[in-house]
């Protein structure tokens, strides 16, 4: 793996974790304790 692809992967991961921190309800499979929408009905 080259350094460029590693940096791209890190960028994708960081953006994914930012989105996860912003709205954990979007990821109920990854973080089951946060699927309040699925439990509410």
PDB file of N, CA and C in Angstrom:
ATOM      1  N   UNK A   1       0.837  -1.194   0.000  1.00  0.00           N
ATOM      2  CA  UNK A   1       0.000   0.000   0.000  1.00  0.00           C
ATOM      3  C   UNK A   1       0.875   1.249   0.000  1.00  0.00           C
ATOM      4  N   UNK A   2       0.502   2.174  -0.838  1.00  0.00           N
ATOM      5  CA  UNK A   2       1.294   3.406  -0.908  1.00  0.00           C
ATOM      6  C   UNK A   2       0.841   4.383   0.156  1.00  0.00           C
ATOM      7  N   UNK A   3       1.635   5.413   0.361  1.00  0.00           N
ATOM      8  CA  UNK A   3       1.293   6.417   1.363  1.00  0.00           C
ATOM      9  C   UNK A   3       0.046   7.192   0.954  1.00  0.00           C
ATOM     10  N   UNK A   4      -0.142   7.356  -0.353  1.00  0.00           N
ATOM     11  CA  UNK A   4      -1.291   8.126  -0.823  1.00  0.00           C
ATOM     12  C   UNK A   4      -2.605   7.430  -0.480  1.00  0.00           C
ATOM     13  N   UNK A   5      -2.675   6.141  -0.721  1.00  0.00           N
ATOM     14  CA  UNK A   5      -3.917   5.421  -0.426  1.00  0.00           C
ATOM     15  C   UNK A   5      -4.163   5.369   1.077  1.00  0.00           C
ATOM     16  N   UNK A   6      -3.107   5.288   1.852  1.00  0.00           N
ATOM     17  CA  UNK A   6      -3.278   5.294   3.301  1.00  0.00           C
ATOM     18  C   UNK A   6      -3.868   6.616   3.766  1.00  0.00           C
ATOM     19  N   UNK A   7      -3.386   7.713   3.203  1.00  0.00           N
ATOM     20  CA  UNK A   7      -3.936   9.015   3.579  1.00  0.00           C
ATOM     21  C   UNK A   7      -5.394   9.127   3.166  1.00  0.00           C
ATOM     22  N   UNK A   8      -5.743   8.595   2.001  1.00  0.00           N
ATOM     23  CA  UNK A   8      -7.133   8.638   1.552  1.00  0.00           C
ATOM     24  C   UNK A   8      -8.025   7.816   2.472  1.00  0.00           C
ATOM     25  N   UNK A   9      -7.534   6.656   2.891  1.00  0.00           N
ATOM     26  CA  UNK A   9      -8.316   5.832   3.801  1.00  0.00           C
ATOM     27  C   UNK A   9      -8.531   6.543   5.130  1.00  0.00           C
ATOM     28  N   UNK A  10      -7.494   7.202   5.623  1.00  0.00           N
ATOM     29  CA  UNK A  10      -7.629   7.931   6.878  1.00  0.00           C
ATOM     30  C   UNK A  10      -8.632   9.070   6.733  1.00  0.00           C
ATOM     31  N   UNK A  11      -8.636   9.725   5.585  1.00  0.00           N
ATOM     32  CA  UNK A  11      -9.598  10.802   5.356  1.00  0.00           C
ATOM     33  C   UNK A  11     -11.022  10.262   5.355  1.00  0.00           C
ATOM     34  N   UNK A  12     -11.220   9.130   4.700  1.00  0.00           N
ATOM     35  CA  UNK A  12     -12.558   8.537   4.659  1.00  0.00           C
ATOM     36  C   UNK A  12     -13.002   8.126   6.056  1.00  0.00           C
ATOM     37  N   UNK A  13     -12.091   7.514   6.804  1.00  0.00           N
ATOM     38  CA  UNK A  13     -12.446   7.090   8.158  1.00  0.00           C
ATOM     39  C   UNK A  13     -12.770   8.273   9.056  1.00  0.00           C
ATOM     40  N   UNK A  14     -11.974   9.330   8.951  1.00  0.00           N
ATOM     41  CA  UNK A  14     -12.230  10.498   9.799  1.00  0.00           C
ATOM     42  C   UNK A  14     -13.572  11.137   9.451  1.00  0.00           C
ATOM     43  N   UNK A  15     -13.886  11.219   8.155  1.00  0.00           N
ATOM     44  CA  UNK A  15     -15.172  11.802   7.782  1.00  0.00           C
ATOM     45  C   UNK A  15     -16.323  10.911   8.253  1.00  0.00           C
ATOM     46  N   UNK A  16     -16.122   9.587   8.190  1.00  0.00           N
ATOM     47  CA  UNK A  16     -17.154   8.671   8.662  1.00  0.00           C
ATOM     48  C   UNK A  16     -17.392   8.846  10.158  1.00  0.00           C
ATOM     49  N   UNK A  17     -16.321   8.971  10.935  1.00  0.00           N
ATOM     50  CA  UNK A  17     -16.488   9.135  12.373  1.00  0.00           C
ATOM     51  C   UNK A  17     -17.085  10.490  12.714  1.00  0.00           C
ATOM     52  N   UNK A  18     -16.803  11.512  11.912  1.00  0.00           N
ATOM     53  CA  UNK A  18     -17.433  12.816  12.141  1.00  0.00           C
ATOM     54  C   UNK A  18     -18.934  12.718  11.922  1.00  0.00           C
ATOM     55  N   UNK A  19     -19.344  12.037  10.861  1.00  0.00           N
ATOM     56  CA  UNK A  19     -20.776  11.866  10.607  1.00  0.00           C
ATOM     57  C   UNK A  19     -21.414  11.032  11.712  1.00  0.00           C
ATOM     58  N   UNK A  20     -20.694  10.022  12.189  1.00  0.00           N
ATOM     59  CA  UNK A  20     -21.207   9.178  13.264  1.00  0.00           C
ATOM     60  C   UNK A  20     -21.384   9.980  14.546  1.00  0.00           C
ATOM     61  N   UNK A  21     -20.438  10.851  14.845  1.00  0.00           N
ATOM     62  CA  UNK A  21     -20.540  11.668  16.045  1.00  0.00           C
ATOM     63  C   UNK A  21     -21.659  12.687  15.902  1.00  0.00           C
ATOM     64  N   UNK A  22     -21.898  13.157  14.672  1.00  0.00           N
ATOM     65  CA  UNK A  22     -22.950  14.157  14.465  1.00  0.00           C
ATOM     66  C   UNK A  22     -24.334  13.540  14.638  1.00  0.00           C
ATOM     67  N   UNK A  23     -24.557  12.336  14.106  1.00  0.00           N
ATOM     68  CA  UNK A  23     -25.874  11.703  14.200  1.00  0.00           C
ATOM     69  C   UNK A  23     -25.713  10.196  14.328  1.00  0.00           C
ATOM     70  N   UNK A  24     -25.533   9.676  15.534  1.00  0.00           N
ATOM     71  CA  UNK A  24     -25.320   8.232  15.716  1.00  0.00           C
ATOM     72  C   UNK A  24     -26.519   7.403  15.285  1.00  0.00           C
ATOM     73  N   UNK A  25     -27.722   8.024  15.199  1.00  0.00           N
ATOM     74  CA  UNK A  25     -28.900   7.266  14.797  1.00  0.00           C
ATOM     75  C   UNK A  25     -28.802   6.785  13.360  1.00  0.00           C
ATOM     76  N   UNK A  26     -27.901   7.367  12.579  1.00  0.00           N
ATOM     77  CA  UNK A  26     -27.726   6.920  11.198  1.00  0.00           C
ATOM     78  C   UNK A  26     -27.027   5.574  11.137  1.00  0.00           C
ATOM     79  N   UNK A  27     -26.403   5.156  12.233  1.00  0.00           N
ATOM     80  CA  UNK A  27     -25.642   3.911  12.231  1.00  0.00           C
ATOM     81  C   UNK A  27     -26.141   2.978  13.332  1.00  0.00           C
ATOM     82  N   UNK A  28     -27.393   2.508  13.242  1.00  0.00           N
ATOM     83  CA  UNK A  28     -27.922   1.655  14.314  1.00  0.00           C
ATOM     84  C   UNK A  28     -27.253   0.291  14.355  1.00  0.00           C
ATOM     85  N   UNK A  29     -26.722  -0.155  13.213  1.00  0.00           N
ATOM     86  CA  UNK A  29     -26.089  -1.478  13.193  1.00  0.00           C
ATOM     87  C   UNK A  29     -24.740  -1.430  13.899  1.00  0.00           C
ATOM     88  N   UNK A  30     -24.013  -0.329  13.687  1.00  0.00           N
ATOM     89  CA  UNK A  30     -22.691  -0.234  14.285  1.00  0.00           C
ATOM     90  C   UNK A  30     -22.773   0.076  15.776  1.00  0.00           C
ATOM     91  N   UNK A  31     -23.835   0.765  16.182  1.00  0.00           N
ATOM     92  CA  UNK A  31     -23.925   1.218  17.566  1.00  0.00           C
ATOM     93  C   UNK A  31     -25.336   0.943  18.072  1.00  0.00           C
ATOM     94  N   UNK A  32     -25.639  -0.302  18.441  1.00  0.00           N
ATOM     95  CA  UNK A  32     -27.024  -0.707  18.710  1.00  0.00           C
ATOM     96  C   UNK A  32     -27.690   0.065  19.840  1.00  0.00           C
ATOM     97  N   UNK A  33     -26.941   0.573  20.791  1.00  0.00           N
ATOM     98  CA  UNK A  33     -27.568   1.240  21.928  1.00  0.00           C
ATOM     99  C   UNK A  33     -28.177   2.581  21.527  1.00  0.00           C
ATOM    100  N   UNK A  34     -27.956   3.004  20.299  1.00  0.00           N
ATOM    101  CA  UNK A  34     -28.465   4.300  19.875  1.00  0.00           C
ATOM    102  C   UNK A  34     -29.638   4.200  18.908  1.00  0.00           C
ATOM    103  N   UNK A  35     -30.189   3.011  18.682  1.00  0.00           N
ATOM    104  CA  UNK A  35     -31.286   2.966  17.719  1.00  0.00           C
ATOM    105  C   UNK A  35     -32.608   3.254  18.423  1.00  0.00           C
ATOM    106  N   UNK A  36     -32.738   4.475  18.910  1.00  0.00           N
ATOM    107  CA  UNK A  36     -33.959   4.900  19.596  1.00  0.00           C
ATOM    108  C   UNK A  36     -35.143   4.905  18.634  1.00  0.00           C
ATOM    109  N   UNK A  37     -34.910   5.249  17.372  1.00  0.00           N
ATOM    110  CA  UNK A  37     -36.021   5.302  16.416  1.00  0.00           C
ATOM    111  C   UNK A  37     -36.638   3.925  16.222  1.00  0.00           C
ATOM    112  N   UNK A  38     -35.804   2.905  16.185  1.00  0.00           N
ATOM    113  CA  UNK A  38     -36.322   1.566  15.959  1.00  0.00           C
ATOM    114  C   UNK A  38     -37.063   1.061  17.191  1.00  0.00           C
ATOM    115  N   UNK A  39     -36.622   1.492  18.356  1.00  0.00           N
ATOM    116  CA  UNK A  39     -37.264   1.039  19.592  1.00  0.00           C
ATOM    117  C   UNK A  39     -38.578   1.795  19.822  1.00  0.00           C
ATOM    118  N   UNK A  40     -38.631   3.061  19.389  1.00  0.00           N
ATOM    119  CA  UNK A  40     -39.762   3.927  19.737  1.00  0.00           C
ATOM    120  C   UNK A  40     -41.086   3.395  19.205  1.00  0.00           C
ATOM    121  N   UNK A  41     -41.084   2.794  18.020  1.00  0.00           N
ATOM    122  CA  UNK A  41     -42.352   2.273  17.530  1.00  0.00           C
ATOM    123  C   UNK A  41     -42.598   0.896  18.131  1.00  0.00           C
TER     124      UNK A  41
END
